[in-house]
């Protein structure tokens, strides 16, 4: 009678005790303990590897350069002079130009030779034929084409921002002559 079906030759009573006086298969409980210990060990090892990898990435990251620029605007021509700070790699920079707080419709893809919204042949590090490293004392200029807007009028406030990745490294502005 008792509790459930039993296979032939099974010597367990209704409580699960076998006729030898103990619980059934003790190796199942030991297997669970071993599995928990192994999983904990693997977790610790994995966490160590991931943390070590992230630390290595942080050590290899290039520091963001710092620089100061002077901006001059004469008509539609913008001239930036690197006045102080680290050399800048023009290939890693993005430039945003605004006139009276309105971004230009076509932004300069520095360095470039010919681009929509700009007269061809910028000077200095803005030109693809120049050394891409922009150092203290060097000037670079570009001229807006008539196809770009807004136009620069005498008295307009012109702002130039330089970014490396998503970090702004330079902001400079001046009043157009």
Protein backbone atom coordinates (compact mmCIF):
# COMPACT_ATOMS: atom_id res chain seq x y z
CA UNK A 1 0.00 0.00 0.00
CA UNK A 2 1.69 3.07 0.82
CA UNK A 3 3.05 5.68 -1.33
CA UNK A 4 3.38 5.32 -5.00
CA UNK A 5 4.76 2.87 -7.43
CA UNK A 6 8.03 1.08 -6.99
CA UNK A 7 10.17 -0.75 -9.43
CA UNK A 8 10.90 -4.39 -8.92
CA UNK A 9 13.84 -4.86 -6.64
CA UNK A 10 13.51 -1.39 -5.09
CA UNK A 11 14.00 -1.82 -1.36
CA UNK A 12 12.66 1.55 -0.21
CA UNK A 13 9.80 1.88 2.16
CA UNK A 14 7.06 4.53 1.94
CA UNK A 15 9.31 7.28 3.40
CA UNK A 16 12.04 6.71 0.82
CA UNK A 17 14.41 4.93 3.20
CA UNK A 18 15.92 1.81 1.82
CA UNK A 19 16.10 -1.35 3.82
CA UNK A 20 19.76 -0.71 4.60
CA UNK A 21 18.84 2.13 6.97
CA UNK A 22 19.71 5.28 4.96
CA UNK A 23 18.41 7.57 2.27
CA UNK A 24 18.73 6.49 -1.29
CA UNK A 25 21.53 7.74 -3.56
CA UNK A 26 23.80 10.09 -1.57
CA UNK A 27 25.91 10.91 -4.66
CA UNK A 28 23.14 13.17 -6.03
CA UNK A 29 23.50 15.60 -3.12
CA UNK A 30 27.27 15.64 -3.48
CA UNK A 31 26.96 16.36 -7.21
CA UNK A 32 24.85 19.45 -6.52
CA UNK A 33 27.44 20.81 -4.08
CA UNK A 34 30.26 20.22 -6.58
CA UNK A 35 28.26 21.95 -9.32
CA UNK A 36 27.67 25.03 -7.16
CA UNK A 37 31.37 25.26 -6.27
CA UNK A 38 32.39 24.90 -9.93
CA UNK A 39 29.90 27.58 -11.07
CA UNK A 40 31.09 29.99 -8.37
CA UNK A 41 34.69 29.41 -9.43
CA UNK A 42 33.87 30.00 -13.10
CA UNK A 43 32.02 33.21 -12.21
CA UNK A 44 35.02 34.55 -10.30
CA UNK A 45 37.40 33.67 -13.14
CA UNK A 46 35.13 35.28 -15.76
CA UNK A 47 34.74 38.45 -13.69
CA UNK A 48 38.52 38.68 -13.28
CA UNK A 49 39.12 38.30 -17.03
CA UNK A 50 36.48 40.91 -17.94
CA UNK A 51 37.73 43.41 -15.34
CA UNK A 52 41.30 42.93 -16.51
CA UNK A 53 40.28 43.49 -20.12
CA UNK A 54 38.42 46.69 -19.32
CA UNK A 55 41.34 48.03 -17.32
CA UNK A 56 43.63 47.35 -20.26
CA UNK A 57 41.33 49.29 -22.59
CA UNK A 58 41.31 52.30 -20.31
CA UNK A 59 45.09 52.36 -20.14
CA UNK A 60 45.38 52.38 -23.95
CA UNK A 61 42.86 55.17 -24.54
CA UNK A 62 44.44 58.31 -25.96
CA UNK A 63 44.01 61.39 -23.80
CA UNK A 64 41.85 64.14 -25.27
CA UNK A 65 44.03 66.99 -26.53
CA UNK A 66 43.62 70.54 -25.28
CA UNK A 67 44.16 73.59 -27.45
CA UNK A 68 43.34 77.28 -27.79
CA UNK A 69 42.50 78.99 -31.07
CA UNK A 70 42.10 82.54 -32.32
CA UNK A 71 39.40 83.08 -34.96
CA UNK A 72 39.42 85.87 -37.53
CA UNK A 73 36.61 86.41 -40.03
CA UNK A 74 37.04 88.62 -43.09
CA UNK A 75 34.02 88.54 -45.37
CA UNK A 76 33.26 84.86 -45.97
CA UNK A 77 36.78 83.68 -45.02
CA UNK A 78 37.44 82.12 -41.62
CA UNK A 79 41.01 81.84 -40.34
CA UNK A 80 41.85 79.82 -37.24
CA UNK A 81 45.26 80.11 -35.60
CA UNK A 82 46.44 77.48 -33.11
CA UNK A 83 47.71 79.65 -30.24
CA UNK A 84 48.31 77.22 -27.39
CA UNK A 85 48.16 73.55 -26.41
CA UNK A 86 48.62 70.11 -27.88
CA UNK A 87 49.14 69.33 -31.56
CA UNK A 88 45.83 68.33 -33.18
CA UNK A 89 45.36 65.57 -35.75
CA UNK A 90 42.95 67.05 -38.30
CA UNK A 91 41.90 63.55 -39.41
CA UNK A 92 40.41 62.96 -35.94
CA UNK A 93 38.54 66.28 -35.72
CA UNK A 94 35.05 67.44 -36.58
CA UNK A 95 34.34 71.15 -37.07
CA UNK A 96 31.03 72.97 -36.49
CA UNK A 97 30.63 76.57 -37.70
CA UNK A 98 27.69 78.75 -36.61
CA UNK A 99 26.69 82.26 -37.64
CA UNK A 100 24.64 84.15 -35.05
CA UNK A 101 23.99 80.81 -33.26
CA UNK A 102 22.70 79.12 -36.45
CA UNK A 103 24.84 76.21 -37.72
CA UNK A 104 25.92 76.36 -41.35
CA UNK A 105 23.83 74.21 -43.66
CA UNK A 106 27.03 72.58 -44.99
CA UNK A 107 29.72 71.97 -42.37
CA UNK A 108 33.39 71.70 -43.40
CA UNK A 109 34.58 68.06 -43.53
CA UNK A 110 38.12 68.93 -42.40
CA UNK A 111 40.52 68.21 -43.84
CA UNK A 112 39.21 68.67 -47.39
CA UNK A 113 40.12 70.15 -50.75
CA UNK A 114 36.71 70.63 -52.30
CA UNK A 115 33.43 70.34 -50.40
CA UNK A 116 29.84 71.43 -50.85
CA UNK A 117 29.26 74.89 -49.38
CA UNK A 118 32.93 75.95 -49.47
CA UNK A 119 35.34 77.40 -52.03
CA UNK A 120 37.94 74.81 -53.06
CA UNK A 121 41.46 74.90 -51.69
CA UNK A 122 41.40 75.70 -47.98
CA UNK A 123 44.79 76.55 -46.51
CA UNK A 124 46.96 75.00 -43.83
CA UNK A 125 45.81 71.89 -41.98
CA UNK A 126 42.26 72.27 -43.38
CA UNK A 127 43.69 71.14 -46.76
CA UNK A 128 44.11 67.40 -47.39
CA UNK A 129 47.48 68.05 -49.08
CA UNK A 130 48.90 69.56 -45.87
CA UNK A 131 50.45 67.85 -42.87
CA UNK A 132 47.44 66.67 -40.82
CA UNK A 133 49.14 67.67 -37.55
CA UNK A 134 48.10 71.18 -36.54
CA UNK A 135 50.66 72.73 -34.19
CA UNK A 136 50.97 75.97 -32.22
CA UNK A 137 51.55 78.95 -34.51
CA UNK A 138 49.92 77.41 -37.61
CA UNK A 139 46.90 78.99 -39.26
CA UNK A 140 44.24 77.36 -41.40
CA UNK A 141 41.54 79.08 -43.43
CA UNK A 142 38.49 78.27 -45.47
CA UNK A 143 35.99 80.35 -47.42
CA UNK A 144 32.22 79.84 -47.48
CA UNK A 145 30.69 79.51 -50.94
CA UNK A 146 27.56 81.39 -51.95
CA UNK A 147 25.68 78.06 -51.76
CA UNK A 148 26.10 77.87 -47.97
CA UNK A 149 23.87 79.57 -45.44
CA UNK A 150 23.51 81.53 -43.31
CA UNK A 151 25.79 84.09 -44.90
CA UNK A 152 28.28 86.06 -42.86
CA UNK A 153 27.49 89.76 -42.68
CA UNK A 154 29.61 92.46 -41.01
CA UNK A 155 28.74 92.34 -37.31
CA UNK A 156 27.70 88.65 -37.36
CA UNK A 157 28.94 86.52 -34.48
CA UNK A 158 30.81 83.54 -35.90
CA UNK A 159 31.48 80.53 -33.65
CA UNK A 160 33.78 77.60 -34.43
CA UNK A 161 33.79 74.38 -32.38
CA UNK A 162 36.28 71.56 -32.83
CA UNK A 163 35.42 68.05 -31.61
CA UNK A 164 37.46 64.89 -31.23
CA UNK A 165 35.00 62.02 -31.17
CA UNK A 166 32.15 63.47 -29.08
CA UNK A 167 34.34 65.71 -26.93
CA UNK A 168 34.49 69.42 -27.67
CA UNK A 169 38.11 70.53 -27.41
CA UNK A 170 37.88 74.10 -28.76
CA UNK A 171 35.21 76.79 -28.90
CA UNK A 172 36.10 80.21 -30.24
CA UNK A 173 34.06 83.09 -31.60
CA UNK A 174 34.49 86.53 -33.04
CA UNK A 175 32.56 89.31 -34.71
CA UNK A 176 32.84 89.42 -38.51
CA UNK A 177 34.36 92.54 -40.11
